[in-house]
Amino acid sequence: MRSLTILTSAFFLVLSAGVANAKIADTTRSLGAGQLSLAGEFQATDNGGGALNLHEEIGLRSGLDLVLDQTVGVTDGAPDFVFGAGIKWTFLNNTRNSPGLALWATGIFNLDSNDAGFRGHFMVDNTWGKFTPYLALDLDIIFADETVTAVSLIGGSRIGLVRNVAAFVEGGLGINDEAPEFLSAGIRVDL
């Protein structure tokens, strides 16, 4: 129990230093029913925006997980607060002999501008020891005064630190003009 308290304290200490416009999609792994995973990420974008992105994932069953995301802007150029909720479907778990494949579908709401939208990811990853590189295609559709569509290619790596704790770094390349480039780093804790 003491190690859980120390890990949780360290997790929130790392998060308090953060920034994000992020989509924390660093693993295709499906959680077991009732299992919880927490992640936090600091991210800076090419437009000078920065925010803290928090992510909770709760295992359901049959490869389905409930995902919740909160983005809090910490600099000008970032939204004040964005909330997302959706489902992650892992249709191929990352194993020693095969990569993992997962699909996210999330509804998002920007409290700053009162805009709503949809976020989807398709991701592949593969683990070699404690090192797991990943690549994702991200699609965001925001319904504002006019519909905005942003498409990004996201690449990164997750590195196992200790049991149930991993760090990750990632970058995003905007495929169209509406998608910003970004760099980010974060930590994931599985409880």
C-alpha atoms as a PDB file:
ATOM      1  CA  MET A   1       0.000   0.000   0.000  1.00  0.00           C
ATOM      2  CA  ARG A   2       2.863   2.350   0.798  1.00  0.00           C
ATOM      3  CA  SER A   3       4.359   1.876  -2.700  1.00  0.00           C
ATOM      4  CA  LEU A   4       0.965   2.759  -4.234  1.00  0.00           C
ATOM      5  CA  THR A   5       0.883   5.976  -2.174  1.00  0.00           C
ATOM      6  CA  ILE A   6       4.426   6.880  -3.263  1.00  0.00           C
ATOM      7  CA  LEU A   7       3.656   6.151  -6.932  1.00  0.00           C
ATOM      8  CA  THR A   8       0.435   8.161  -6.816  1.00  0.00           C
ATOM      9  CA  SER A   9       2.217  11.117  -5.177  1.00  0.00           C
ATOM     10  CA  ALA A  10       5.018  10.979  -7.760  1.00  0.00           C
ATOM     11  CA  PHE A  11       2.432  10.761 -10.546  1.00  0.00           C
ATOM     12  CA  PHE A  12       0.639  13.926  -9.475  1.00  0.00           C
ATOM     13  CA  LEU A  13       3.938  15.724  -8.848  1.00  0.00           C
ATOM     14  CA  VAL A  14       4.960  15.002 -12.449  1.00  0.00           C
ATOM     15  CA  LEU A  15       1.523  16.112 -13.672  1.00  0.00           C
ATOM     16  CA  SER A  16       1.748  19.416 -11.869  1.00  0.00           C
ATOM     17  CA  ALA A  17       4.684  20.334 -14.111  1.00  0.00           C
ATOM     18  CA  GLY A  18       2.706  19.620 -17.298  1.00  0.00           C
ATOM     19  CA  VAL A  19       1.317  21.071 -20.660  1.00  0.00           C
ATOM     20  CA  ALA A  20      -0.956  19.505 -23.575  1.00  0.00           C
ATOM     21  CA  ASN A  21      -3.179  19.753 -26.665  1.00  0.00           C
ATOM     22  CA  ALA A  22      -2.538  16.098 -26.530  1.00  0.00           C
ATOM     23  CA  LYS A  23      -4.162  12.869 -27.322  1.00  0.00           C
ATOM     24  CA  ILE A  24      -2.688  10.347 -24.936  1.00  0.00           C
ATOM     25  CA  ALA A  25      -2.854   7.249 -27.030  1.00  0.00           C
ATOM     26  CA  ASP A  26       0.361   5.518 -26.032  1.00  0.00           C
ATOM     27  CA  THR A  27      -0.771   1.883 -25.839  1.00  0.00           C
ATOM     28  CA  THR A  28      -3.000  -0.532 -27.721  1.00  0.00           C
ATOM     29  CA  ARG A  29      -3.118  -2.834 -24.686  1.00  0.00           C
ATOM     30  CA  SER A  30      -6.596  -3.562 -23.405  1.00  0.00           C
ATOM     31  CA  LEU A  31      -7.123  -3.391 -19.654  1.00  0.00           C
ATOM     32  CA  GLY A  32      -8.805  -6.158 -17.730  1.00  0.00           C
ATOM     33  CA  ALA A  33     -12.347  -5.619 -16.438  1.00  0.00           C
ATOM     34  CA  GLY A  34     -12.279  -3.057 -13.629  1.00  0.00           C
ATOM     35  CA  GLN A  35      -8.572  -2.221 -14.087  1.00  0.00           C
ATOM     36  CA  LEU A  36      -7.610   1.498 -14.022  1.00  0.00           C
ATOM     37  CA  SER A  37      -4.835   3.315 -15.868  1.00  0.00           C
ATOM     38  CA  LEU A  38      -3.907   6.990 -15.307  1.00  0.00           C
ATOM     39  CA  ALA A  39      -1.667   9.133 -17.512  1.00  0.00           C
ATOM     40  CA  GLY A  40      -0.566  12.736 -17.643  1.00  0.00           C
ATOM     41  CA  GLU A  41       1.273  14.582 -20.340  1.00  0.00           C
ATOM     42  CA  PHE A  42       2.988  17.938 -20.872  1.00  0.00           C
ATOM     43  CA  GLN A  43       2.743  19.161 -24.454  1.00  0.00           C
ATOM     44  CA  ALA A  44       3.847  22.167 -26.453  1.00  0.00           C
ATOM     45  CA  THR A  45       2.531  22.953 -29.951  1.00  0.00           C
ATOM     46  CA  ASP A  46       4.034  24.852 -32.873  1.00  0.00           C
ATOM     47  CA  ASN A  47       1.539  27.722 -32.336  1.00  0.00           C
ATOM     48  CA  GLY A  48       3.015  28.427 -28.902  1.00  0.00           C
ATOM     49  CA  GLY A  49       0.158  26.757 -27.043  1.00  0.00           C
ATOM     50  CA  GLY A  50       0.715  24.447 -24.130  1.00  0.00           C
ATOM     51  CA  ALA A  51      -1.556  22.416 -21.920  1.00  0.00           C
ATOM     52  CA  LEU A  52      -1.735  19.597 -19.417  1.00  0.00           C
ATOM     53  CA  ASN A  53      -3.547  16.514 -20.669  1.00  0.00           C
ATOM     54  CA  LEU A  54      -4.908  13.979 -18.168  1.00  0.00           C
ATOM     55  CA  HIS A  55      -6.225  10.600 -19.227  1.00  0.00           C
ATOM     56  CA  GLU A  56      -8.106   7.896 -17.370  1.00  0.00           C
ATOM     57  CA  GLU A  57      -8.825   4.472 -18.813  1.00  0.00           C
ATOM     58  CA  ILE A  58     -11.088   1.881 -17.201  1.00  0.00           C
ATOM     59  CA  GLY A  59     -11.162  -1.714 -18.422  1.00  0.00           C
ATOM     60  CA  LEU A  60     -14.582  -3.019 -19.418  1.00  0.00           C
ATOM     61  CA  ARG A  61     -14.517  -6.389 -21.202  1.00  0.00           C
ATOM     62  CA  SER A  62     -13.818  -8.090 -24.528  1.00  0.00           C
ATOM     63  CA  GLY A  63     -11.094  -5.612 -25.539  1.00  0.00           C
ATOM     64  CA  LEU A  64     -13.205  -2.524 -24.737  1.00  0.00           C
ATOM     65  CA  ASP A  65     -12.036   0.242 -22.397  1.00  0.00           C
ATOM     66  CA  LEU A  66     -13.786   3.447 -21.306  1.00  0.00           C
ATOM     67  CA  VAL A  67     -11.517   6.487 -21.847  1.00  0.00           C
ATOM     68  CA  LEU A  68     -11.809   9.949 -20.308  1.00  0.00           C
ATOM     69  CA  ASP A  69      -9.588  12.903 -21.278  1.00  0.00           C
ATOM     70  CA  GLN A  70      -9.205  16.393 -19.854  1.00  0.00           C
ATOM     71  CA  THR A  71      -7.024  19.090 -21.422  1.00  0.00           C
ATOM     72  CA  VAL A  72      -6.261  22.221 -19.424  1.00  0.00           C
ATOM     73  CA  GLY A  73      -4.501  25.102 -21.186  1.00  0.00           C
ATOM     74  CA  VAL A  74      -1.595  26.618 -19.300  1.00  0.00           C
ATOM     75  CA  THR A  75      -0.428  29.156 -21.905  1.00  0.00           C
ATOM     76  CA  ASP A  76      -2.030  31.523 -24.388  1.00  0.00           C
ATOM     77  CA  GLY A  77      -2.903  29.707 -27.599  1.00  0.00           C
ATOM     78  CA  ALA A  78      -4.272  26.655 -25.793  1.00  0.00           C
ATOM     79  CA  PRO A  79      -7.930  25.974 -24.978  1.00  0.00           C
ATOM     80  CA  ASP A  80      -8.897  26.647 -21.355  1.00  0.00           C
ATOM     81  CA  PHE A  81     -10.567  23.251 -20.857  1.00  0.00           C
ATOM     82  CA  VAL A  82     -11.509  20.373 -23.159  1.00  0.00           C
ATOM     83  CA  PHE A  83     -13.281  17.226 -21.942  1.00  0.00           C
ATOM     84  CA  GLY A  84     -13.537  13.957 -23.856  1.00  0.00           C
ATOM     85  CA  ALA A  85     -15.184  10.595 -23.240  1.00  0.00           C
ATOM     86  CA  GLY A  86     -15.286   7.537 -25.421  1.00  0.00           C
ATOM     87  CA  ILE A  87     -14.328   3.929 -26.079  1.00  0.00           C
ATOM     88  CA  LYS A  88     -11.063   2.229 -27.028  1.00  0.00           C
ATOM     89  CA  TRP A  89     -11.373  -1.096 -28.835  1.00  0.00           C
ATOM     90  CA  THR A  90      -8.269  -3.301 -28.880  1.00  0.00           C
ATOM     91  CA  PHE A  91      -8.783  -5.804 -31.640  1.00  0.00           C
ATOM     92  CA  LEU A  92      -5.238  -7.208 -31.550  1.00  0.00           C
ATOM     93  CA  ASN A  93      -3.289  -7.205 -28.258  1.00  0.00           C
ATOM     94  CA  ASN A  94       0.423  -6.470 -28.436  1.00  0.00           C
ATOM     95  CA  THR A  95       2.229  -9.761 -27.723  1.00  0.00           C
ATOM     96  CA  ARG A  96       5.781 -11.022 -28.058  1.00  0.00           C
ATOM     97  CA  ASN A  97       5.051 -12.253 -31.604  1.00  0.00           C
ATOM     98  CA  SER A  98       2.662  -9.627 -32.980  1.00  0.00           C
ATOM     99  CA  PRO A  99       1.972  -5.899 -32.842  1.00  0.00           C
ATOM    100  CA  GLY A 100      -1.085  -4.433 -31.143  1.00  0.00           C
ATOM    101  CA  LEU A 101      -3.882  -2.657 -33.038  1.00  0.00           C
ATOM    102  CA  ALA A 102      -6.504  -0.404 -31.429  1.00  0.00           C
ATOM    103  CA  LEU A 103      -9.174   2.089 -32.450  1.00  0.00           C
ATOM    104  CA  TRP A 104     -10.400   5.027 -30.311  1.00  0.00           C
ATOM    105  CA  ALA A 105     -13.694   6.901 -30.795  1.00  0.00           C
ATOM    106  CA  THR A 106     -14.194   9.859 -28.463  1.00  0.00           C
ATOM    107  CA  GLY A 107     -16.643  12.736 -28.217  1.00  0.00           C
ATOM    108  CA  ILE A 108     -15.004  16.018 -27.155  1.00  0.00           C
ATOM    109  CA  PHE A 109     -16.330  19.317 -25.808  1.00  0.00           C
ATOM    110  CA  ASN A 110     -14.366  22.580 -25.519  1.00  0.00           C
ATOM    111  CA  LEU A 111     -15.736  24.561 -22.557  1.00  0.00           C
ATOM    112  CA  ASP A 112     -13.776  27.641 -23.675  1.00  0.00           C
ATOM    113  CA  SER A 113     -15.534  27.999 -27.050  1.00  0.00           C
ATOM    114  CA  ASN A 114     -18.579  25.735 -26.481  1.00  0.00           C
ATOM    115  CA  ASP A 115     -17.586  23.655 -29.513  1.00  0.00           C
ATOM    116  CA  ALA A 116     -18.174  19.920 -29.686  1.00  0.00           C
ATOM    117  CA  GLY A 117     -16.585  17.331 -31.889  1.00  0.00           C
ATOM    118  CA  PHE A 118     -15.255  13.854 -32.493  1.00  0.00           C
ATOM    119  CA  ARG A 119     -11.761  12.436 -32.079  1.00  0.00           C
ATOM    120  CA  GLY A 120     -10.646   9.128 -33.527  1.00  0.00           C
ATOM    121  CA  HIS A 121      -7.303   7.294 -33.525  1.00  0.00           C
ATOM    122  CA  PHE A 122      -6.045   4.188 -35.239  1.00  0.00           C
ATOM    123  CA  MET A 123      -2.869   2.934 -33.566  1.00  0.00           C
ATOM    124  CA  VAL A 124      -0.257   0.215 -33.955  1.00  0.00           C
ATOM    125  CA  ASP A 125       2.501  -0.598 -31.446  1.00  0.00           C
ATOM    126  CA  ASN A 126       5.006  -3.363 -30.790  1.00  0.00           C
ATOM    127  CA  THR A 127       7.039  -4.146 -27.673  1.00  0.00           C
ATOM    128  CA  TRP A 128      10.708  -5.103 -27.526  1.00  0.00           C
ATOM    129  CA  GLY A 129      11.642  -5.587 -23.867  1.00  0.00           C
ATOM    130  CA  LYS A 130      10.770  -2.355 -22.006  1.00  0.00           C
ATOM    131  CA  PHE A 131      10.669  -0.304 -25.231  1.00  0.00           C
ATOM    132  CA  THR A 132       7.377   0.086 -27.156  1.00  0.00           C
ATOM    133  CA  PRO A 133       7.383   2.343 -30.223  1.00  0.00           C
ATOM    134  CA  TYR A 134       3.961   3.345 -31.558  1.00  0.00           C
ATOM    135  CA  LEU A 135       2.392   5.112 -34.524  1.00  0.00           C
ATOM    136  CA  ALA A 136      -1.153   6.496 -34.760  1.00  0.00           C
ATOM    137  CA  LEU A 137      -3.310   8.271 -37.296  1.00  0.00           C
ATOM    138  CA  ASP A 138      -5.485  10.883 -35.577  1.00  0.00           C
ATOM    139  CA  LEU A 139      -8.656  12.518 -36.920  1.00  0.00           C
ATOM    140  CA  ASP A 140     -10.378  15.398 -35.116  1.00  0.00           C
ATOM    141  CA  ILE A 141     -13.647  16.880 -36.401  1.00  0.00           C
ATOM    142  CA  ILE A 142     -14.847  19.992 -34.559  1.00  0.00           C
ATOM    143  CA  PHE A 143     -18.340  21.372 -35.150  1.00  0.00           C
ATOM    144  CA  ALA A 144     -18.031  25.131 -34.630  1.00  0.00           C
ATOM    145  CA  ASP A 145     -19.320  27.995 -36.804  1.00  0.00           C
ATOM    146  CA  GLU A 146     -17.850  25.939 -39.611  1.00  0.00           C
ATOM    147  CA  THR A 147     -16.692  22.333 -39.408  1.00  0.00           C
ATOM    148  CA  VAL A 148     -12.938  21.967 -38.877  1.00  0.00           C
ATOM    149  CA  THR A 149     -11.130  18.728 -39.651  1.00  0.00           C
ATOM    150  CA  ALA A 150      -7.594  18.095 -38.405  1.00  0.00           C
ATOM    151  CA  VAL A 151      -5.537  15.042 -39.386  1.00  0.00           C
ATOM    152  CA  SER A 152      -2.230  14.160 -37.676  1.00  0.00           C
ATOM    153  CA  LEU A 153       0.332  11.406 -37.698  1.00  0.00           C
ATOM    154  CA  ILE A 154       1.519  10.680 -34.134  1.00  0.00           C
ATOM    155  CA  GLY A 155       4.651   8.739 -33.328  1.00  0.00           C
ATOM    156  CA  GLY A 156       6.287   7.976 -30.037  1.00  0.00           C
ATOM    157  CA  SER A 157       7.681   5.454 -27.638  1.00  0.00           C
ATOM    158  CA  ARG A 158       6.705   4.126 -24.243  1.00  0.00           C
ATOM    159  CA  ILE A 159       9.470   2.955 -21.902  1.00  0.00           C
ATOM    160  CA  GLY A 160       8.745   0.748 -18.892  1.00  0.00           C
ATOM    161  CA  LEU A 161      10.325   2.235 -15.758  1.00  0.00           C
ATOM    162  CA  VAL A 162       9.154  -0.092 -13.000  1.00  0.00           C
ATOM    163  CA  ARG A 163       6.236  -2.504 -12.745  1.00  0.00           C
ATOM    164  CA  ASN A 164       3.011  -0.707 -13.804  1.00  0.00           C
ATOM    165  CA  VAL A 165       4.780   2.625 -14.498  1.00  0.00           C
ATOM    166  CA  ALA A 166       5.924   3.813 -17.926  1.00  0.00           C
ATOM    167  CA  ALA A 167       7.173   7.081 -19.387  1.00  0.00           C
ATOM    168  CA  PHE A 168       6.389   8.109 -22.950  1.00  0.00           C
ATOM    169  CA  VAL A 169       7.498  10.725 -25.453  1.00  0.00           C
ATOM    170  CA  GLU A 170       5.674  11.535 -28.649  1.00  0.00           C
ATOM    171  CA  GLY A 171       5.418  13.981 -31.476  1.00  0.00           C
ATOM    172  CA  GLY A 172       2.652  14.860 -33.871  1.00  0.00           C
ATOM    173  CA  LEU A 173       2.934  15.951 -37.483  1.00  0.00           C
ATOM    174  CA  GLY A 174      -0.071  17.834 -38.851  1.00  0.00           C
ATOM    175  CA  ILE A 175      -1.086  16.352 -42.183  1.00  0.00           C
ATOM    176  CA  ASN A 176      -3.360  19.302 -42.983  1.00  0.00           C
ATOM    177  CA  ASP A 177      -3.210  23.005 -42.012  1.00  0.00           C
ATOM    178  CA  GLU A 178      -5.684  22.685 -39.105  1.00  0.00           C
ATOM    179  CA  ALA A 179      -3.544  20.134 -37.231  1.00  0.00           C
ATOM    180  CA  PRO A 180      -0.661  21.586 -35.186  1.00  0.00           C
ATOM    181  CA  GLU A 181       2.723  19.927 -34.794  1.00  0.00           C
ATOM    182  CA  PHE A 182       3.525  19.043 -31.190  1.00  0.00           C
ATOM    183  CA  LEU A 183       6.060  17.449 -28.860  1.00  0.00           C
ATOM    184  CA  SER A 184       5.098  15.921 -25.542  1.00  0.00           C
ATOM    185  CA  ALA A 185       6.236  13.740 -22.673  1.00  0.00           C
ATOM    186  CA  GLY A 186       4.294  12.013 -19.948  1.00  0.00           C
ATOM    187  CA  ILE A 187       3.903   9.152 -17.537  1.00  0.00           C
ATOM    188  CA  ARG A 188       1.359   6.299 -17.231  1.00  0.00           C
ATOM    189  CA  VAL A 189       0.505   4.421 -14.028  1.00  0.00           C
ATOM    190  CA  ASP A 190      -1.578   1.249 -14.076  1.00  0.00           C
ATOM    191  CA  LEU A 191      -3.444   0.497 -10.844  1.00  0.00           C
END
